[in-house]
């Protein structure tokens, strides 16, 4: 009997679709890996940005003596003015996926909050048994709206970050007043 070299047409017809299916599966896995990697990189960048924002926000609030909050009712955007005793006013304002920090006339820093996130600011008084007078706390909350809910409904979002600081902590230690924290 003669020994064959090569493949029959039937073997080739069967091998091509199998190899094509394996190739499509490999391309799909590589695509999923790239999507997951990109998502992880974006989440890491967002966490780092929120961390930098939290550190700067707390420092500014602690160093300030007064705070004034202006809210735009229509869009829900805010403008927070913090008065420092030794520097110009520092302004925090929200925009589309960005929170701007403006110190003085020229120094501006933007914290890009990726994705469709909302931010809100609250100023509230805290009184306690150990504190003889009320102190002001400022809370900046960055929310990620869930799908299918209205954007301005407070119960619809998941908090990505809740940054809270006491107004005037560092300012009072410089002037010799009692510290709140």
N, C-alpha and C. Protein backbone atom coordinates (compact mmCIF):
# COMPACT_ATOMS: atom_id res chain seq x y z
N UNK A 1 0.81 -1.16 0.00
CA UNK A 1 0.00 0.00 0.00
C UNK A 1 0.88 1.26 0.00
N UNK A 2 0.44 2.24 -0.73
CA UNK A 2 1.17 3.49 -0.84
C UNK A 2 0.91 4.40 0.36
N UNK A 3 1.95 5.07 0.83
CA UNK A 3 1.79 6.00 1.95
C UNK A 3 1.41 7.38 1.41
N UNK A 4 0.40 7.98 2.04
CA UNK A 4 -0.09 9.28 1.60
C UNK A 4 0.70 10.42 2.25
N UNK A 5 0.89 11.48 1.48
CA UNK A 5 1.48 12.72 2.01
C UNK A 5 0.50 13.84 1.76
N UNK A 6 0.09 14.59 2.81
CA UNK A 6 -0.85 15.69 2.65
C UNK A 6 -2.20 15.37 3.27
N UNK A 7 -3.18 16.24 3.00
CA UNK A 7 -4.51 16.11 3.59
C UNK A 7 -5.54 15.99 2.49
N UNK A 8 -6.62 15.35 2.85
CA UNK A 8 -7.72 15.25 1.89
C UNK A 8 -8.55 16.53 1.97
N UNK A 9 -9.37 16.74 0.99
CA UNK A 9 -10.22 17.91 0.95
C UNK A 9 -11.18 17.94 2.14
N UNK A 10 -11.68 16.81 2.55
CA UNK A 10 -12.58 16.72 3.69
C UNK A 10 -11.88 17.15 4.97
N UNK A 11 -10.64 16.75 5.18
CA UNK A 11 -9.89 17.14 6.38
C UNK A 11 -9.65 18.65 6.40
N UNK A 12 -9.36 19.24 5.27
CA UNK A 12 -9.13 20.68 5.19
C UNK A 12 -10.43 21.44 5.47
N UNK A 13 -11.54 20.95 4.90
CA UNK A 13 -12.83 21.60 5.10
C UNK A 13 -13.24 21.55 6.57
N UNK A 14 -12.89 20.50 7.28
CA UNK A 14 -13.21 20.39 8.71
C UNK A 14 -12.24 21.23 9.54
N UNK A 15 -10.96 21.27 9.20
CA UNK A 15 -9.94 21.97 9.99
C UNK A 15 -10.09 23.49 9.92
N UNK A 16 -10.48 24.03 8.78
CA UNK A 16 -10.57 25.49 8.62
C UNK A 16 -11.63 26.08 9.55
N UNK A 17 -12.87 25.57 9.60
CA UNK A 17 -13.84 26.17 10.53
C UNK A 17 -13.45 26.00 12.01
N UNK A 18 -12.83 24.88 12.34
CA UNK A 18 -12.40 24.70 13.74
C UNK A 18 -11.33 25.72 14.10
N UNK A 19 -10.35 25.91 13.25
CA UNK A 19 -9.30 26.90 13.54
C UNK A 19 -9.86 28.32 13.54
N UNK A 20 -10.84 28.59 12.64
CA UNK A 20 -11.49 29.90 12.60
C UNK A 20 -12.24 30.16 13.90
N UNK A 21 -12.95 29.17 14.42
CA UNK A 21 -13.68 29.32 15.69
C UNK A 21 -12.71 29.56 16.84
N UNK A 22 -11.59 28.85 16.86
CA UNK A 22 -10.59 29.07 17.91
C UNK A 22 -9.99 30.47 17.82
N UNK A 23 -9.75 30.94 16.61
CA UNK A 23 -9.21 32.29 16.41
C UNK A 23 -10.20 33.35 16.88
N UNK A 24 -11.49 33.21 16.55
CA UNK A 24 -12.51 34.15 17.00
C UNK A 24 -12.60 34.15 18.53
N UNK A 25 -12.55 32.97 19.13
CA UNK A 25 -12.58 32.88 20.59
C UNK A 25 -11.39 33.57 21.23
N UNK A 26 -10.20 33.42 20.65
CA UNK A 26 -9.00 34.07 21.18
C UNK A 26 -9.10 35.59 21.05
N UNK A 27 -9.61 36.06 19.91
CA UNK A 27 -9.78 37.50 19.71
C UNK A 27 -10.78 38.06 20.73
N UNK A 28 -11.85 37.33 21.00
CA UNK A 28 -12.83 37.76 22.00
C UNK A 28 -12.23 37.86 23.39
N UNK A 29 -11.39 36.87 23.75
CA UNK A 29 -10.75 36.91 25.07
C UNK A 29 -9.77 38.07 25.18
N UNK A 30 -9.01 38.33 24.12
CA UNK A 30 -8.08 39.46 24.14
C UNK A 30 -8.85 40.77 24.27
N UNK A 31 -9.96 40.89 23.55
CA UNK A 31 -10.78 42.11 23.64
C UNK A 31 -11.32 42.30 25.06
N UNK A 32 -11.84 41.23 25.67
CA UNK A 32 -12.35 41.34 27.05
C UNK A 32 -11.23 41.74 28.01
N UNK A 33 -10.04 41.17 27.83
CA UNK A 33 -8.91 41.51 28.69
C UNK A 33 -8.54 42.98 28.54
N UNK A 34 -8.60 43.50 27.32
CA UNK A 34 -8.28 44.91 27.10
C UNK A 34 -9.34 45.82 27.73
N UNK A 35 -10.60 45.43 27.63
CA UNK A 35 -11.69 46.22 28.23
C UNK A 35 -11.54 46.26 29.75
N UNK A 36 -11.28 45.11 30.36
CA UNK A 36 -11.12 45.03 31.82
C UNK A 36 -9.90 45.84 32.25
N UNK A 37 -8.82 45.76 31.50
CA UNK A 37 -7.62 46.52 31.83
C UNK A 37 -7.88 48.02 31.75
N UNK A 38 -8.58 48.46 30.72
CA UNK A 38 -8.91 49.87 30.56
C UNK A 38 -9.83 50.35 31.69
N UNK A 39 -10.80 49.54 32.06
CA UNK A 39 -11.71 49.88 33.15
C UNK A 39 -10.95 50.00 34.47
N UNK A 40 -10.04 49.06 34.73
CA UNK A 40 -9.25 49.11 35.96
C UNK A 40 -8.36 50.34 35.99
N UNK A 41 -7.79 50.70 34.85
CA UNK A 41 -6.94 51.90 34.77
C UNK A 41 -7.76 53.15 35.04
N UNK A 42 -8.96 53.24 34.46
CA UNK A 42 -9.83 54.41 34.69
C UNK A 42 -10.28 54.50 36.14
N UNK A 43 -10.61 53.37 36.76
CA UNK A 43 -11.02 53.38 38.16
C UNK A 43 -9.86 53.79 39.06
N UNK A 44 -8.67 53.33 38.74
CA UNK A 44 -7.49 53.71 39.52
C UNK A 44 -7.23 55.21 39.41
N UNK A 45 -7.35 55.73 38.20
CA UNK A 45 -7.16 57.16 38.00
C UNK A 45 -8.22 57.97 38.74
N UNK A 46 -9.47 57.50 38.71
CA UNK A 46 -10.55 58.19 39.42
C UNK A 46 -10.30 58.17 40.93
N UNK A 47 -9.87 57.03 41.47
CA UNK A 47 -9.56 56.96 42.92
C UNK A 47 -8.43 57.91 43.29
N UNK A 48 -7.40 57.97 42.44
CA UNK A 48 -6.26 58.86 42.71
C UNK A 48 -6.71 60.32 42.64
N UNK A 49 -7.54 60.66 41.65
CA UNK A 49 -8.05 62.03 41.52
C UNK A 49 -8.91 62.41 42.72
N UNK A 50 -9.79 61.50 43.13
CA UNK A 50 -10.64 61.77 44.29
C UNK A 50 -9.79 61.89 45.56
N UNK A 51 -8.74 61.10 45.67
CA UNK A 51 -7.83 61.21 46.82
C UNK A 51 -7.14 62.56 46.86
N UNK A 52 -6.65 63.03 45.70
CA UNK A 52 -6.01 64.34 45.63
C UNK A 52 -7.00 65.46 45.95
N UNK A 53 -8.22 65.33 45.42
CA UNK A 53 -9.27 66.30 45.70
C UNK A 53 -9.59 66.32 47.19
N UNK A 54 -9.70 65.15 47.80
CA UNK A 54 -10.03 65.07 49.23
C UNK A 54 -8.95 65.75 50.08
N UNK A 55 -7.70 65.48 49.77
CA UNK A 55 -6.61 66.08 50.54
C UNK A 55 -6.62 67.61 50.40
N UNK A 56 -6.76 68.12 49.19
CA UNK A 56 -6.75 69.56 48.96
C UNK A 56 -7.99 70.22 49.57
N UNK A 57 -9.16 69.58 49.44
CA UNK A 57 -10.40 70.12 49.97
C UNK A 57 -10.33 70.23 51.50
N UNK A 58 -9.88 69.17 52.15
CA UNK A 58 -9.77 69.20 53.62
C UNK A 58 -8.82 70.30 54.08
N UNK A 59 -7.68 70.41 53.42
CA UNK A 59 -6.71 71.44 53.80
C UNK A 59 -7.32 72.83 53.64
N UNK A 60 -7.98 73.07 52.52
CA UNK A 60 -8.59 74.39 52.30
C UNK A 60 -9.69 74.69 53.32
N UNK A 61 -10.52 73.72 53.62
CA UNK A 61 -11.60 73.94 54.60
C UNK A 61 -11.01 74.17 55.99
N UNK A 62 -10.02 73.38 56.38
CA UNK A 62 -9.41 73.55 57.70
C UNK A 62 -8.74 74.92 57.84
N UNK A 63 -8.16 75.44 56.76
CA UNK A 63 -7.46 76.72 56.83
C UNK A 63 -8.40 77.92 56.70
N UNK A 64 -9.63 77.70 56.31
CA UNK A 64 -10.58 78.80 56.07
C UNK A 64 -11.26 79.23 57.36
N UNK A 65 -11.67 80.49 57.38
CA UNK A 65 -12.42 81.00 58.51
C UNK A 65 -13.92 81.03 58.23
N UNK A 66 -14.30 81.31 56.99
CA UNK A 66 -15.72 81.35 56.62
C UNK A 66 -15.94 80.60 55.32
N UNK A 67 -17.18 80.16 55.14
CA UNK A 67 -17.56 79.46 53.91
C UNK A 67 -18.93 79.96 53.48
N UNK A 68 -19.08 80.10 52.18
CA UNK A 68 -20.35 80.52 51.61
C UNK A 68 -20.65 79.59 50.44
N UNK A 69 -21.87 79.05 50.41
CA UNK A 69 -22.28 78.11 49.38
C UNK A 69 -23.34 78.73 48.49
N UNK A 70 -23.10 78.70 47.19
CA UNK A 70 -24.07 79.16 46.20
C UNK A 70 -24.48 77.97 45.36
N UNK A 71 -25.78 77.70 45.29
CA UNK A 71 -26.30 76.57 44.51
C UNK A 71 -27.09 77.09 43.33
N UNK A 72 -26.90 76.47 42.19
CA UNK A 72 -27.70 76.77 41.00
C UNK A 72 -28.83 75.76 40.97
N UNK A 73 -30.04 76.21 41.23
CA UNK A 73 -31.19 75.31 41.38
C UNK A 73 -31.48 74.49 40.13
N UNK A 74 -31.36 75.11 38.98
CA UNK A 74 -31.69 74.44 37.73
C UNK A 74 -30.79 73.24 37.44
N UNK A 75 -29.49 73.44 37.53
CA UNK A 75 -28.55 72.38 37.15
C UNK A 75 -28.01 71.60 38.35
N UNK A 76 -28.17 72.12 39.56
CA UNK A 76 -27.64 71.44 40.73
C UNK A 76 -26.15 71.68 40.94
N UNK A 77 -25.56 72.57 40.15
CA UNK A 77 -24.14 72.87 40.29
C UNK A 77 -23.93 73.80 41.49
N UNK A 78 -22.75 73.71 42.08
CA UNK A 78 -22.47 74.50 43.27
C UNK A 78 -21.23 75.36 43.05
N UNK A 79 -21.11 76.34 43.94
CA UNK A 79 -19.93 77.21 44.00
C UNK A 79 -19.69 77.45 45.49
N UNK A 80 -18.58 76.96 46.01
CA UNK A 80 -18.23 77.10 47.41
C UNK A 80 -17.08 78.09 47.54
N UNK A 81 -17.30 79.17 48.31
CA UNK A 81 -16.28 80.18 48.52
C UNK A 81 -15.73 80.02 49.93
N UNK A 82 -14.43 79.78 50.03
CA UNK A 82 -13.76 79.61 51.32
C UNK A 82 -12.82 80.80 51.52
N UNK A 83 -13.01 81.54 52.62
CA UNK A 83 -12.17 82.71 52.92
C UNK A 83 -11.04 82.31 53.85
N UNK A 84 -9.81 82.49 53.36
CA UNK A 84 -8.62 82.19 54.16
C UNK A 84 -8.16 83.47 54.86
N UNK A 85 -7.60 83.34 56.06
CA UNK A 85 -7.16 84.54 56.77
C UNK A 85 -5.91 85.18 56.15
N UNK A 86 -5.03 84.38 55.55
CA UNK A 86 -3.77 84.91 55.04
C UNK A 86 -3.68 84.90 53.52
N UNK A 87 -4.66 84.29 52.85
CA UNK A 87 -4.61 84.19 51.39
C UNK A 87 -5.92 84.70 50.81
N UNK A 88 -5.97 84.69 49.50
CA UNK A 88 -7.21 85.05 48.81
C UNK A 88 -8.25 83.96 49.03
N UNK A 89 -9.44 84.24 48.58
CA UNK A 89 -10.53 83.28 48.65
C UNK A 89 -10.25 82.10 47.72
N UNK A 90 -10.56 80.90 48.20
CA UNK A 90 -10.47 79.70 47.37
C UNK A 90 -11.89 79.32 46.98
N UNK A 91 -12.08 79.04 45.70
CA UNK A 91 -13.41 78.73 45.18
C UNK A 91 -13.40 77.30 44.64
N UNK A 92 -14.40 76.53 45.02
CA UNK A 92 -14.65 75.21 44.44
C UNK A 92 -15.96 75.31 43.68
N UNK A 93 -15.94 74.91 42.41
CA UNK A 93 -17.18 74.92 41.64
C UNK A 93 -17.27 73.65 40.81
N UNK A 94 -18.51 73.19 40.65
CA UNK A 94 -18.72 71.96 39.90
C UNK A 94 -19.06 72.29 38.46
N UNK A 95 -18.66 71.39 37.58
CA UNK A 95 -18.96 71.49 36.17
C UNK A 95 -19.33 70.11 35.67
N UNK A 96 -19.36 69.92 34.38
CA UNK A 96 -19.65 68.61 33.81
C UNK A 96 -18.45 67.70 33.99
N UNK A 97 -18.55 66.75 34.90
CA UNK A 97 -17.50 65.77 35.20
C UNK A 97 -16.20 66.41 35.66
N UNK A 98 -16.28 67.61 36.25
CA UNK A 98 -15.08 68.27 36.74
C UNK A 98 -15.43 69.10 37.97
N UNK A 99 -14.49 69.18 38.90
CA UNK A 99 -14.60 70.09 40.03
C UNK A 99 -13.38 71.00 39.93
N UNK A 100 -13.63 72.31 39.83
CA UNK A 100 -12.56 73.28 39.69
C UNK A 100 -12.23 73.88 41.04
N UNK A 101 -10.93 74.05 41.28
CA UNK A 101 -10.46 74.76 42.47
C UNK A 101 -9.72 75.99 41.97
N UNK A 102 -10.21 77.16 42.37
CA UNK A 102 -9.60 78.41 41.93
C UNK A 102 -9.09 79.12 43.17
N UNK A 103 -7.78 79.31 43.22
CA UNK A 103 -7.16 80.01 44.35
C UNK A 103 -6.58 81.32 43.84
N UNK A 104 -7.07 82.42 44.36
CA UNK A 104 -6.58 83.72 43.89
C UNK A 104 -7.08 84.02 42.50
N UNK A 105 -6.28 84.76 41.75
CA UNK A 105 -6.70 85.18 40.42
C UNK A 105 -6.26 84.22 39.32
N UNK A 106 -5.08 83.64 39.45
CA UNK A 106 -4.53 82.88 38.33
C UNK A 106 -4.43 81.38 38.58
N UNK A 107 -4.30 80.96 39.80
CA UNK A 107 -4.04 79.55 40.08
C UNK A 107 -5.35 78.75 40.02
N UNK A 108 -5.44 77.87 39.04
CA UNK A 108 -6.65 77.05 38.86
C UNK A 108 -6.24 75.60 38.71
N UNK A 109 -6.96 74.73 39.38
CA UNK A 109 -6.70 73.29 39.31
C UNK A 109 -8.03 72.60 39.03
N UNK A 110 -8.00 71.62 38.13
CA UNK A 110 -9.21 70.89 37.80
C UNK A 110 -9.07 69.44 38.22
N UNK A 111 -10.08 68.92 38.87
CA UNK A 111 -10.14 67.52 39.25
C UNK A 111 -11.17 66.86 38.34
N UNK A 112 -10.70 66.13 37.33
CA UNK A 112 -11.59 65.47 36.39
C UNK A 112 -12.15 64.21 37.03
N UNK A 113 -13.44 64.16 37.18
CA UNK A 113 -14.12 63.02 37.76
C UNK A 113 -14.73 62.25 36.59
N UNK A 114 -14.10 61.14 36.22
CA UNK A 114 -14.52 60.42 35.02
C UNK A 114 -15.89 59.79 35.21
N UNK A 115 -16.57 59.61 34.12
CA UNK A 115 -17.90 59.01 34.16
C UNK A 115 -18.96 60.05 34.44
N UNK A 116 -20.19 59.61 34.54
CA UNK A 116 -21.31 60.51 34.77
C UNK A 116 -21.54 60.62 36.28
N UNK A 117 -20.79 61.51 36.91
CA UNK A 117 -20.87 61.65 38.36
C UNK A 117 -21.41 63.02 38.72
N UNK A 118 -22.14 63.07 39.80
CA UNK A 118 -22.65 64.33 40.34
C UNK A 118 -21.89 64.64 41.62
N UNK A 119 -21.81 65.91 41.96
CA UNK A 119 -21.18 66.32 43.21
C UNK A 119 -22.10 67.28 43.91
N UNK A 120 -22.15 67.17 45.24
CA UNK A 120 -22.94 68.12 46.01
C UNK A 120 -22.18 68.49 47.27
N UNK A 121 -22.45 69.69 47.78
CA UNK A 121 -21.79 70.20 48.97
C UNK A 121 -22.85 70.56 49.98
N UNK A 122 -22.57 70.23 51.24
CA UNK A 122 -23.45 70.60 52.35
C UNK A 122 -22.63 71.30 53.42
N UNK A 123 -23.20 72.31 54.03
CA UNK A 123 -22.60 72.96 55.19
C UNK A 123 -23.58 72.78 56.33
N UNK A 124 -23.11 72.21 57.44
CA UNK A 124 -24.00 71.99 58.56
C UNK A 124 -23.27 72.25 59.87
N UNK A 125 -24.05 72.55 60.91
CA UNK A 125 -23.50 72.81 62.24
C UNK A 125 -23.50 71.52 63.04
N UNK A 126 -22.43 71.34 63.84
CA UNK A 126 -22.32 70.19 64.72
C UNK A 126 -22.18 70.72 66.13
N UNK A 127 -23.00 70.22 67.03
CA UNK A 127 -22.86 70.56 68.44
C UNK A 127 -22.72 69.26 69.21
N UNK A 128 -21.91 69.28 70.20
CA UNK A 128 -21.70 68.07 70.98
C UNK A 128 -21.55 68.39 72.45
N UNK A 129 -21.46 67.33 73.25
CA UNK A 129 -21.34 67.53 74.70
C UNK A 129 -19.99 68.11 75.07
N UNK A 130 -18.95 67.78 74.31
CA UNK A 130 -17.61 68.27 74.65
C UNK A 130 -17.32 69.65 74.05
N UNK A 131 -18.18 70.11 73.15
CA UNK A 131 -17.95 71.39 72.49
C UNK A 131 -18.96 72.39 73.03
N UNK A 132 -18.48 73.54 73.49
CA UNK A 132 -19.37 74.54 74.07
C UNK A 132 -20.13 75.33 73.01
N UNK A 133 -19.61 75.40 71.82
CA UNK A 133 -20.30 76.14 70.75
C UNK A 133 -20.40 75.24 69.52
N UNK A 134 -21.25 75.64 68.59
CA UNK A 134 -21.41 74.82 67.38
C UNK A 134 -20.26 75.10 66.42
N UNK A 135 -19.88 74.07 65.70
CA UNK A 135 -18.83 74.20 64.69
C UNK A 135 -19.44 73.84 63.34
N UNK A 136 -18.86 74.40 62.30
CA UNK A 136 -19.35 74.14 60.95
C UNK A 136 -18.52 73.03 60.31
N UNK A 137 -19.25 72.09 59.72
CA UNK A 137 -18.63 71.02 58.94
C UNK A 137 -19.08 71.19 57.50
N UNK A 138 -18.19 70.87 56.58
CA UNK A 138 -18.52 70.94 55.16
C UNK A 138 -18.30 69.56 54.58
N UNK A 139 -19.31 69.07 53.87
CA UNK A 139 -19.23 67.74 53.27
C UNK A 139 -19.36 67.86 51.75
N UNK A 140 -18.39 67.29 51.03
CA UNK A 140 -18.43 67.21 49.58
C UNK A 140 -18.67 65.75 49.23
N UNK A 141 -19.78 65.46 48.57
CA UNK A 141 -20.14 64.10 48.20
C UNK A 141 -20.10 63.98 46.69
N UNK A 142 -19.37 62.98 46.20
CA UNK A 142 -19.31 62.70 44.77
C UNK A 142 -20.12 61.43 44.54
N UNK A 143 -21.16 61.58 43.73
CA UNK A 143 -22.12 60.49 43.51
C UNK A 143 -22.00 59.93 42.10
N UNK A 144 -22.22 58.62 41.99
CA UNK A 144 -22.30 57.96 40.69
C UNK A 144 -23.74 57.52 40.51
N UNK A 145 -24.49 58.16 39.61
CA UNK A 145 -25.90 57.78 39.43
C UNK A 145 -26.03 56.36 38.90
N UNK A 146 -27.04 55.65 39.38
CA UNK A 146 -27.31 54.32 38.86
C UNK A 146 -28.20 54.45 37.64
N UNK A 147 -28.13 53.47 36.77
CA UNK A 147 -28.90 53.53 35.52
C UNK A 147 -30.38 53.34 35.81
N UNK A 148 -31.18 54.03 35.02
CA UNK A 148 -32.63 53.86 35.12
C UNK A 148 -33.30 54.77 36.12
N UNK A 149 -32.55 55.56 36.89
CA UNK A 149 -33.15 56.47 37.86
C UNK A 149 -32.98 57.90 37.38
N UNK A 150 -33.77 58.79 37.95
CA UNK A 150 -33.64 60.20 37.61
C UNK A 150 -32.33 60.74 38.15
N UNK A 151 -31.75 61.67 37.42
CA UNK A 151 -30.43 62.19 37.78
C UNK A 151 -30.43 62.98 39.08
N UNK A 152 -31.46 63.76 39.35
CA UNK A 152 -31.45 64.63 40.52
C UNK A 152 -32.08 64.02 41.77
N UNK A 153 -32.50 62.76 41.72
CA UNK A 153 -33.06 62.08 42.87
C UNK A 153 -31.93 61.69 43.81
N UNK A 154 -31.99 62.14 45.07
CA UNK A 154 -30.89 61.90 46.00
C UNK A 154 -30.70 60.42 46.32
N UNK A 155 -31.75 59.62 46.25
CA UNK A 155 -31.64 58.22 46.63
C UNK A 155 -31.13 57.33 45.51
N UNK A 156 -30.87 57.90 44.34
CA UNK A 156 -30.51 57.06 43.21
C UNK A 156 -29.03 56.79 43.07
N UNK A 157 -28.18 57.49 43.77
CA UNK A 157 -26.75 57.37 43.50
C UNK A 157 -26.01 56.58 44.55
N UNK A 158 -24.86 56.11 44.13
CA UNK A 158 -23.93 55.46 45.04
C UNK A 158 -22.81 56.44 45.30
N UNK A 159 -22.45 56.64 46.55
CA UNK A 159 -21.40 57.60 46.88
C UNK A 159 -20.04 57.01 46.53
N UNK A 160 -19.32 57.69 45.63
CA UNK A 160 -17.94 57.31 45.34
C UNK A 160 -17.03 57.83 46.43
N UNK A 161 -17.33 59.01 46.92
CA UNK A 161 -16.51 59.61 47.96
C UNK A 161 -17.35 60.58 48.77
N UNK A 162 -17.10 60.60 50.06
CA UNK A 162 -17.73 61.56 50.95
C UNK A 162 -16.59 62.21 51.73
N UNK A 163 -16.30 63.46 51.40
CA UNK A 163 -15.18 64.18 51.99
C UNK A 163 -15.76 65.19 52.97
N UNK A 164 -15.35 65.10 54.22
CA UNK A 164 -15.90 65.97 55.25
C UNK A 164 -14.76 66.61 56.03
N UNK A 165 -14.91 67.91 56.33
CA UNK A 165 -13.88 68.63 57.08
C UNK A 165 -14.53 69.70 57.94
N UNK A 166 -13.83 70.06 59.01
CA UNK A 166 -14.31 71.10 59.93
C UNK A 166 -13.72 72.43 59.52
N UNK A 167 -14.58 73.43 59.44
CA UNK A 167 -14.17 74.77 59.02
C UNK A 167 -13.32 75.42 60.10
N UNK A 168 -12.16 75.92 59.71
CA UNK A 168 -11.34 76.75 60.58
C UNK A 168 -10.47 76.05 61.58
N UNK A 169 -10.19 74.78 61.43
CA UNK A 169 -9.36 74.08 62.42
C UNK A 169 -7.95 74.66 62.47
N UNK A 170 -7.30 74.79 61.32
CA UNK A 170 -5.94 75.33 61.30
C UNK A 170 -5.94 76.82 61.56
N UNK A 171 -6.97 77.53 61.10
CA UNK A 171 -7.05 78.97 61.31
C UNK A 171 -7.16 79.28 62.79
N UNK A 172 -7.90 78.46 63.55
CA UNK A 172 -8.07 78.73 64.98
C UNK A 172 -6.80 78.43 65.75
N UNK A 173 -6.00 77.47 65.31
CA UNK A 173 -4.75 77.18 66.03
C UNK A 173 -3.74 78.28 65.80
N UNK A 174 -3.80 78.96 64.66
CA UNK A 174 -2.88 80.08 64.39
C UNK A 174 -3.24 81.29 65.24
N UNK A 175 -4.54 81.48 65.48
CA UNK A 175 -4.95 82.65 66.24
C UNK A 175 -5.02 82.40 67.74
N UNK A 176 -4.76 81.15 68.15
CA UNK A 176 -4.74 80.82 69.57
C UNK A 176 -6.07 80.38 70.13
N UNK A 177 -7.11 80.26 69.31
CA UNK A 177 -8.42 79.80 69.79
C UNK A 177 -8.37 78.28 70.00
N UNK A 178 -9.39 77.75 70.68
CA UNK A 178 -9.44 76.31 70.91
C UNK A 178 -9.68 75.59 69.58
N UNK A 179 -9.05 74.43 69.46
CA UNK A 179 -9.22 73.61 68.27
C UNK A 179 -10.48 72.77 68.40
N UNK A 180 -11.15 72.49 67.28
CA UNK A 180 -12.39 71.72 67.29
C UNK A 180 -12.13 70.23 67.12
N UNK A 181 -11.05 69.83 66.48
CA UNK A 181 -10.85 68.41 66.16
C UNK A 181 -9.67 67.85 66.90
